[in-house]
Amino acid sequence: MSAKSPMRISKRYKLGVSQFELDFVDIDTSKDLPLFVDPHFLGQRTDRWSVDASASVQSFFQRFLTLLRAGNKAEARRLFSPLGEPNETCLGLSRGAPRGSGIGEELADDMFDGLAQSKAMKTGVLTDLEDARVFVRGIDKDRVSDMTTVLIRGQLLQYTIEQCQLWSVPVTADVPSGDVWDSATGTWTSYLIPRLVIGKRPILLVPKGIVSFSKQYTAQKFHQQFVLTYLKHEHLRLDTVLVQRRKRRDGSIRKWVTKKSIVERESPGDKDYLAGFTERHVEVFADFKARAAQEEDSLPDEVFTRTKLEDVVAHLERALANVPAGNDSAATYHRLVTGILELCFSPGADCAALGNADSRRPETRRYYFRQCGSPRLLSSATRCA
């Protein structure tokens, strides 16, 4: 399939469904989609699959940190080496034919050296994989996403098989799994497994609920909204030379400190500075992590497609009403109900027509179907649930 002929998974395999009805990101395998697997966001999710995937990331990174801090650099490098280029998800920043973010052997070595030599590693403030994005030069959302993808490859392999079975998408038997992190043994493994293969290239499907634009957990946000805000209050409290004054008409004195003056005088915001600041003020970084967790949420389906929710609901209602009775139509009926259940209960879909702040909650989504005049969709989903 050439780059000039884009084709999403749903179209390639004639699934006849929209992104609203699919649990996975409906990728076009001819190009990368600029979405990311953020380990901090993944760690906030409470579904069983996400908890297991997050545990894999934590297991690896704690093992990696233990080796480095024990001075076993050679073993740590060996452990890190499989974090190569994940070409299988078609997510990330690459352009043209998907190649991941370019974490080949050379880049993996560069990242290892960056982590091992970083101030954050030496001071102990680096505790989670996502922290590398804040404290380690040369590592940002694309690199962290790629590393996370490799670390949860085992979960993604199984998820892809299950989705292919659900939608009757053909898989190829006995395909190499690639490197898979085994949390139980603390080692890398590989094996032969049925895989989705497109154009001789193995593909991993990714749950749409775990991807994001990765805008919350950033060095820039930590610096601008937390570090500089803290330092502003400190300068005002200590009445330093950075405090500016102006007399009001009523005779009172207004005092303020600009963030620009703090940046110029003491807080440039580079990653080594942020690591040093965090070593001295752990509580500020803890506040940043807590705020990021509160602000992160699954993306609405509208991000992935131009299709409108109202049109999908109307289509499903018509399609469901037109399914003939009898065993011959069972497969069609089951596929429709599968899409309806995804639409009803996926945390990422956004019932914007309700204008409700809680529109991603399952009970609100059921209410939406009732208000849209589609009780048949809900009752069918309930019977099959």
Protein backbone atom coordinates (compact mmCIF):
# COMPACT_ATOMS: atom_id res chain seq x y z
CA MET A 1 0.00 0.00 0.00
CA SER A 2 1.62 3.26 -1.10
CA ALA A 3 1.69 6.44 0.96
CA LYS A 4 -0.68 7.94 -1.61
CA SER A 5 -3.36 5.35 -0.85
CA PRO A 6 -4.11 5.66 2.86
CA MET A 7 -6.20 2.89 4.32
CA ARG A 8 -7.22 2.45 7.92
CA ILE A 9 -7.54 -0.98 9.50
CA SER A 10 -11.35 -0.78 9.41
CA LYS A 11 -11.35 -0.06 5.69
CA ARG A 12 -8.61 -2.52 4.78
CA TYR A 13 -10.52 -5.38 6.37
CA LYS A 14 -13.99 -4.10 5.46
CA LEU A 15 -15.17 -3.97 9.07
CA GLY A 16 -17.94 -1.51 8.24
CA VAL A 17 -17.52 0.40 11.51
CA SER A 18 -16.30 3.81 12.63
CA GLN A 19 -13.68 4.68 15.21
CA PHE A 20 -16.51 5.15 17.74
CA GLU A 21 -17.23 1.43 17.54
CA LEU A 22 -13.63 0.24 17.84
CA ASP A 23 -11.63 -0.12 21.04
CA PHE A 24 -8.29 0.28 19.23
CA VAL A 25 -6.85 3.25 17.37
CA ASP A 26 -7.92 2.78 13.75
CA ILE A 27 -4.48 3.47 12.27
CA ASP A 28 -3.47 4.09 8.69
CA THR A 29 -0.41 1.89 8.27
CA SER A 30 1.09 4.15 5.59
CA LYS A 31 1.92 6.92 8.08
CA ASP A 32 2.37 7.64 11.75
CA LEU A 33 -0.38 9.24 13.82
CA PRO A 34 0.98 11.93 16.23
CA LEU A 35 -0.34 10.27 19.39
CA PHE A 36 1.70 8.84 22.23
CA VAL A 37 1.68 6.17 24.92
CA ASP A 38 2.41 8.15 28.08
CA PRO A 39 3.50 5.95 31.01
CA HIS A 40 2.26 8.49 33.58
CA PHE A 41 -1.20 8.54 31.98
CA LEU A 42 -1.15 4.75 31.67
CA GLY A 43 -0.36 4.50 35.39
CA GLN A 44 -3.48 6.48 36.33
CA ARG A 45 -5.86 4.06 34.62
CA THR A 46 -7.57 1.44 36.76
CA ASP A 47 -8.73 -1.16 34.23
CA ARG A 48 -7.01 -4.54 34.53
CA TRP A 49 -5.18 -4.31 31.19
CA SER A 50 -3.68 -0.89 31.96
CA VAL A 51 -2.68 -1.90 35.49
CA ASP A 52 -0.82 -4.93 34.10
CA ALA A 53 0.84 -2.86 31.37
CA SER A 54 1.89 -0.14 33.82
CA ALA A 55 3.33 -2.79 36.13
CA SER A 56 5.57 -3.97 33.28
CA VAL A 57 6.92 -0.45 32.79
CA GLN A 58 7.52 -0.02 36.53
CA SER A 59 9.13 -3.44 36.83
CA PHE A 60 11.65 -2.71 34.09
CA PHE A 61 12.52 0.80 35.17
CA GLN A 62 13.04 -0.10 38.81
CA ARG A 63 15.33 -2.96 37.75
CA PHE A 64 17.20 -0.57 35.47
CA LEU A 65 17.62 2.05 38.21
CA THR A 66 18.78 -0.57 40.70
CA LEU A 67 21.54 -1.75 38.36
CA LEU A 68 22.73 1.77 37.58
CA ARG A 69 22.78 2.90 41.20
CA ALA A 70 24.67 -0.25 42.16
CA GLY A 71 27.35 0.68 39.63
CA ASN A 72 26.53 -2.24 37.32
CA LYS A 73 26.55 -0.11 34.18
CA ALA A 74 27.33 -2.95 31.76
CA GLU A 75 24.35 -5.01 32.90
CA ALA A 76 22.13 -1.92 32.87
CA ARG A 77 23.16 -1.22 29.27
CA ARG A 78 22.43 -4.80 28.28
CA LEU A 79 19.00 -4.55 29.90
CA PHE A 80 18.31 -1.28 28.08
CA SER A 81 19.45 -2.44 24.63
CA PRO A 82 16.12 -3.99 23.45
CA LEU A 83 14.42 -0.59 23.69
CA GLY A 84 14.84 -0.20 19.96
CA GLU A 85 12.61 1.25 17.29
CA PRO A 86 9.00 0.03 17.63
CA ASN A 87 7.73 0.08 14.05
CA GLU A 88 4.55 -1.76 14.86
CA THR A 89 2.03 0.80 16.17
CA CYS A 90 2.15 3.61 13.55
CA LEU A 91 2.10 6.17 16.38
CA GLY A 92 4.58 8.96 17.04
CA LEU A 93 6.29 11.87 15.32
CA SER A 94 7.83 10.24 12.23
CA ARG A 95 6.83 11.39 8.77
CA GLY A 96 6.43 9.27 5.66
CA ALA A 97 6.74 5.53 6.14
CA PRO A 98 6.40 4.84 9.88
CA ARG A 99 9.76 4.28 11.52
CA GLY A 100 8.97 5.10 15.13
CA SER A 101 10.86 8.07 16.56
CA GLY A 102 14.17 6.63 15.46
CA ILE A 103 15.27 4.70 18.52
CA GLY A 104 17.69 2.38 16.78
CA GLU A 105 20.77 0.94 18.44
CA GLU A 106 22.71 4.18 18.16
CA LEU A 107 19.92 6.29 19.62
CA ALA A 108 19.26 3.73 22.33
CA ASP A 109 22.93 4.03 23.31
CA ASP A 110 22.64 7.82 23.34
CA MET A 111 19.57 7.64 25.55
CA PHE A 112 21.23 5.22 27.90
CA ASP A 113 24.21 7.52 28.25
CA GLY A 114 21.89 10.48 28.82
CA LEU A 115 20.05 8.64 31.59
CA ALA A 116 23.20 7.23 33.21
CA GLN A 117 25.01 10.57 33.22
CA SER A 118 22.07 12.79 34.12
CA LYS A 119 21.99 14.84 37.30
CA ALA A 120 18.57 13.36 38.00
CA MET A 121 20.05 9.87 38.13
CA LYS A 122 22.94 10.94 40.33
CA THR A 123 20.73 12.81 42.79
CA GLY A 124 18.00 10.18 42.95
CA VAL A 125 15.11 12.36 41.75
CA LEU A 126 14.58 10.11 38.72
CA THR A 127 12.14 7.46 39.96
CA ASP A 128 9.77 6.74 37.04
CA LEU A 129 10.24 6.39 33.29
CA GLU A 130 8.14 9.50 32.60
CA ASP A 131 10.50 11.55 34.80
CA ALA A 132 13.17 11.19 32.12
CA ARG A 133 11.13 13.54 29.94
CA VAL A 134 11.37 16.23 32.61
CA PHE A 135 14.97 15.73 33.76
CA VAL A 136 17.04 14.11 30.98
CA ARG A 137 18.30 16.02 27.97
CA GLY A 138 17.46 14.49 24.59
CA ILE A 139 14.42 12.60 25.88
CA ASP A 140 10.90 13.86 25.21
CA LYS A 141 7.43 12.45 24.61
CA ASP A 142 8.32 10.52 21.44
CA ARG A 143 11.23 8.67 23.02
CA VAL A 144 9.33 7.94 26.23
CA SER A 145 6.35 6.70 24.20
CA ASP A 146 8.55 4.39 22.14
CA MET A 147 10.22 2.94 25.21
CA THR A 148 6.85 2.39 26.84
CA THR A 149 5.52 0.67 23.73
CA VAL A 150 8.40 -1.81 23.77
CA LEU A 151 7.94 -2.44 27.49
CA ILE A 152 4.23 -3.28 27.06
CA ARG A 153 4.68 -5.23 23.84
CA GLY A 154 3.55 -8.42 25.56
CA GLN A 155 0.24 -6.86 26.54
CA LEU A 156 -0.17 -5.29 23.09
CA LEU A 157 0.49 -8.62 21.37
CA GLN A 158 -2.29 -10.31 23.30
CA TYR A 159 -4.61 -7.32 22.86
CA THR A 160 -4.06 -7.37 19.08
CA ILE A 161 -4.89 -11.07 18.89
CA GLU A 162 -8.09 -10.54 20.87
CA GLN A 163 -9.21 -7.63 18.69
CA CYS A 164 -8.46 -9.57 15.52
CA GLN A 165 -10.53 -12.47 16.82
CA LEU A 166 -13.35 -10.13 17.77
CA TRP A 167 -13.51 -8.52 14.32
CA SER A 168 -12.54 -11.63 12.26
CA VAL A 169 -9.32 -10.00 11.04
CA PRO A 170 -6.87 -12.64 9.73
CA VAL A 171 -3.58 -13.18 11.54
CA THR A 172 -0.39 -14.97 10.50
CA ALA A 173 0.78 -17.91 12.59
CA ASP A 174 4.24 -18.28 14.14
CA VAL A 175 5.54 -14.73 13.74
CA PRO A 176 8.41 -13.59 16.00
CA SER A 177 7.09 -11.57 18.91
CA GLY A 178 10.06 -9.26 19.16
CA ASP A 179 11.57 -8.51 22.56
CA VAL A 180 9.01 -8.89 25.35
CA TRP A 181 9.67 -7.81 28.94
CA ASP A 182 8.85 -10.51 31.47
CA SER A 183 8.10 -8.83 34.80
CA ALA A 184 8.03 -12.14 36.66
CA THR A 185 11.63 -13.03 35.81
CA GLY A 186 12.99 -9.52 35.23
CA THR A 187 14.32 -10.56 31.81
CA TRP A 188 13.64 -10.13 28.12
CA THR A 189 12.12 -13.01 26.19
CA SER A 190 10.78 -13.73 22.70
CA TYR A 191 8.60 -16.38 21.12
CA LEU A 192 6.50 -17.23 18.07
CA ILE A 193 2.92 -15.99 18.18
CA PRO A 194 0.02 -15.32 15.78
CA ARG A 195 0.29 -11.71 14.63
CA LEU A 196 -1.47 -9.15 12.47
CA VAL A 197 0.80 -8.70 9.47
CA ILE A 198 0.23 -6.06 6.79
CA GLY A 199 2.56 -5.92 3.82
CA LYS A 200 5.06 -8.25 5.50
CA ARG A 201 5.13 -5.91 8.49
CA PRO A 202 3.83 -6.98 11.94
CA ILE A 203 1.34 -4.52 13.40
CA LEU A 204 0.32 -3.91 17.00
CA LEU A 205 -3.11 -2.48 17.72
CA VAL A 206 -3.20 0.01 20.61
CA PRO A 207 -6.22 0.68 22.86
CA LYS A 208 -7.49 4.17 22.10
CA GLY A 209 -8.04 4.76 25.80
CA ILE A 210 -4.30 4.76 26.60
CA VAL A 211 -3.05 7.21 23.95
CA SER A 212 -2.80 10.96 24.38
CA PHE A 213 -1.14 14.08 23.01
CA SER A 214 1.15 13.86 26.05
CA LYS A 215 0.86 17.55 26.93
CA GLN A 216 0.62 17.38 30.72
CA TYR A 217 3.82 15.74 31.94
CA THR A 218 6.41 18.10 30.42
CA ALA A 219 9.53 19.92 31.57
CA GLN A 220 8.09 23.19 30.27
CA LYS A 221 4.91 22.85 32.31
CA PHE A 222 6.79 21.88 35.45
CA HIS A 223 9.10 24.89 35.07
CA GLN A 224 6.53 27.51 34.11
CA GLN A 225 3.60 26.55 36.31
CA PHE A 226 5.28 25.05 39.37
CA VAL A 227 8.96 25.98 39.71
CA LEU A 228 8.59 29.64 38.76
CA THR A 229 5.37 30.03 40.75
CA TYR A 230 7.10 28.63 43.84
CA LEU A 231 10.10 30.92 43.37
CA LYS A 232 7.85 33.97 42.90
CA HIS A 233 6.27 33.35 46.28
CA GLU A 234 9.68 32.82 47.87
CA HIS A 235 11.06 36.10 46.52
CA LEU A 236 8.00 37.96 47.77
CA ARG A 237 8.24 36.27 51.16
CA LEU A 238 11.93 37.10 51.53
CA ASP A 239 11.55 40.57 49.94
CA THR A 240 14.54 40.07 47.62
CA VAL A 241 16.01 42.42 45.04
CA LEU A 242 13.69 40.92 42.40
CA VAL A 243 10.63 42.36 44.14
CA GLN A 244 9.23 45.37 42.29
CA ARG A 245 7.10 48.04 43.97
CA ARG A 246 4.56 50.61 42.97
CA LYS A 247 2.63 53.00 45.16
CA ARG A 248 -1.11 52.95 44.64
CA ARG A 249 -3.34 56.02 44.79
CA ASP A 250 -4.55 55.05 48.23
CA GLY A 251 -0.98 55.03 49.50
CA SER A 252 -0.61 51.25 49.74
CA ILE A 253 2.32 49.51 48.10
CA ARG A 254 1.84 46.87 45.43
CA LYS A 255 4.64 44.27 45.24
CA TRP A 256 5.29 41.74 42.51
CA VAL A 257 7.94 39.55 40.93
CA THR A 258 8.00 38.66 37.25
CA LYS A 259 8.75 35.15 36.05
CA LYS A 260 11.02 36.66 33.41
CA SER A 261 13.29 38.16 36.05
CA ILE A 262 13.54 34.82 37.85
CA VAL A 263 14.44 33.03 34.62
CA GLU A 264 17.13 35.57 33.85
CA ARG A 265 18.55 35.61 37.37
CA GLU A 266 18.37 32.02 38.65
CA SER A 267 16.00 29.61 36.92
CA PRO A 268 16.82 29.01 33.23
CA GLY A 269 14.63 25.92 33.13
CA ASP A 270 17.12 23.47 31.62
CA LYS A 271 16.70 19.87 32.69
CA ASP A 272 19.72 19.75 34.97
CA TYR A 273 18.42 22.81 36.80
CA LEU A 274 15.01 21.16 37.20
CA ALA A 275 16.67 18.06 38.67
CA GLY A 276 18.61 20.18 41.15
CA PHE A 277 15.51 22.16 42.10
CA THR A 278 13.54 18.96 42.65
CA GLU A 279 16.27 17.55 44.88
CA ARG A 280 15.80 20.61 47.12
CA HIS A 281 12.01 20.85 46.79
CA VAL A 282 10.59 17.36 46.37
CA GLU A 283 7.14 18.56 47.39
CA VAL A 284 6.86 20.87 44.36
CA PHE A 285 7.49 17.99 41.96
CA ALA A 286 5.00 15.85 43.88
CA ASP A 287 2.39 18.60 43.35
CA PHE A 288 3.22 18.65 39.64
CA LYS A 289 2.74 14.88 39.34
CA ALA A 290 -0.56 15.02 41.21
CA ARG A 291 -1.87 17.85 39.03
CA ALA A 292 -0.86 16.03 35.84
CA ALA A 293 -2.78 12.96 37.02
CA GLN A 294 -5.91 15.07 37.59
CA GLU A 295 -5.74 16.73 34.17
CA GLU A 296 -5.08 13.63 32.07
CA ASP A 297 -8.00 11.88 30.42
CA SER A 298 -8.72 9.59 27.49
CA LEU A 299 -9.14 11.36 24.19
CA PRO A 300 -12.63 11.71 22.71
CA ASP A 301 -13.30 9.69 19.57
CA GLU A 302 -13.69 12.94 17.62
CA VAL A 303 -9.91 13.33 17.80
CA PHE A 304 -9.45 10.23 15.65
CA THR A 305 -12.16 10.81 13.06
CA ARG A 306 -14.28 13.45 11.35
CA THR A 307 -17.37 11.31 11.74
CA LYS A 308 -19.99 12.80 14.06
CA LEU A 309 -21.36 10.87 17.00
CA GLU A 310 -24.95 11.67 16.04
CA ASP A 311 -24.40 10.16 12.59
CA VAL A 312 -22.94 6.99 14.10
CA VAL A 313 -25.89 6.61 16.48
CA ALA A 314 -28.37 7.09 13.63
CA HIS A 315 -26.53 4.58 11.45
CA LEU A 316 -26.43 1.96 14.19
CA GLU A 317 -30.10 2.39 14.95
CA ARG A 318 -31.04 1.90 11.28
CA ALA A 319 -28.65 -1.03 10.88
CA LEU A 320 -29.95 -2.75 13.99
CA ALA A 321 -33.56 -2.33 12.94
CA ASN A 322 -32.77 -3.90 9.55
CA VAL A 323 -31.04 -7.04 10.80
CA PRO A 324 -33.24 -10.01 9.76
CA ALA A 325 -34.23 -12.53 12.38
CA GLY A 326 -32.59 -15.96 12.34
CA ASN A 327 -29.22 -17.65 12.71
CA ASP A 328 -28.01 -16.52 9.30
CA SER A 329 -27.85 -12.92 10.58
CA ALA A 330 -26.24 -13.74 13.94
CA ALA A 331 -22.75 -12.63 12.90
CA THR A 332 -24.06 -9.30 11.61
CA TYR A 333 -26.09 -8.77 14.75
CA HIS A 334 -23.19 -9.61 17.06
CA ARG A 335 -20.86 -7.26 15.21
CA LEU A 336 -23.39 -4.43 15.52
CA VAL A 337 -23.82 -5.05 19.23
CA THR A 338 -20.04 -5.14 19.69
CA GLY A 339 -19.86 -1.64 18.21
CA ILE A 340 -22.80 -0.46 20.32
CA LEU A 341 -21.19 -1.69 23.53
CA GLU A 342 -17.94 0.06 22.65
CA LEU A 343 -19.84 3.25 21.91
CA CYS A 344 -21.76 3.00 25.19
CA PHE A 345 -18.92 2.18 27.55
CA SER A 346 -15.64 3.42 26.06
CA PRO A 347 -14.20 6.11 28.37
CA GLY A 348 -12.84 8.12 25.46
CA ALA A 349 -16.00 8.82 23.52
CA ASP A 350 -17.45 12.26 24.12
CA CYS A 351 -21.21 12.81 23.94
CA ALA A 352 -20.80 16.47 23.11
CA ALA A 353 -24.45 16.82 22.17
CA LEU A 354 -25.38 16.49 25.83
CA GLY A 355 -23.26 19.45 26.83
CA ASN A 356 -22.55 17.50 30.01
CA ALA A 357 -19.23 17.73 31.83
CA ASP A 358 -19.54 14.06 32.74
CA SER A 359 -20.31 12.93 29.20
CA ARG A 360 -17.56 10.29 29.28
CA ARG A 361 -19.17 8.45 32.17
CA PRO A 362 -20.99 5.25 31.13
CA GLU A 363 -24.24 6.23 32.88
CA THR A 364 -24.26 9.55 31.01
CA ARG A 365 -23.67 7.76 27.72
CA ARG A 366 -26.64 5.47 28.35
CA TYR A 367 -28.70 8.59 29.05
CA TYR A 368 -27.50 10.01 25.74
CA PHE A 369 -28.87 7.03 23.84
CA ARG A 370 -32.23 7.40 25.52
CA GLN A 371 -32.33 11.10 24.73
CA CYS A 372 -31.34 10.45 21.12
CA GLY A 373 -34.40 8.25 20.75
CA SER A 374 -32.30 5.09 20.45
CA PRO A 375 -33.54 2.79 23.24
CA ARG A 376 -33.19 -0.20 20.91
CA LEU A 377 -29.42 0.27 20.85
CA LEU A 378 -29.19 0.31 24.61
CA SER A 379 -31.58 -2.58 25.16
CA SER A 380 -29.72 -4.72 22.61
CA ALA A 381 -26.40 -3.96 24.24
CA THR A 382 -27.89 -4.80 27.63
CA ARG A 383 -29.20 -8.17 26.44
CA CYS A 384 -25.79 -9.14 25.06
CA ALA A 385 -23.66 -7.72 27.88
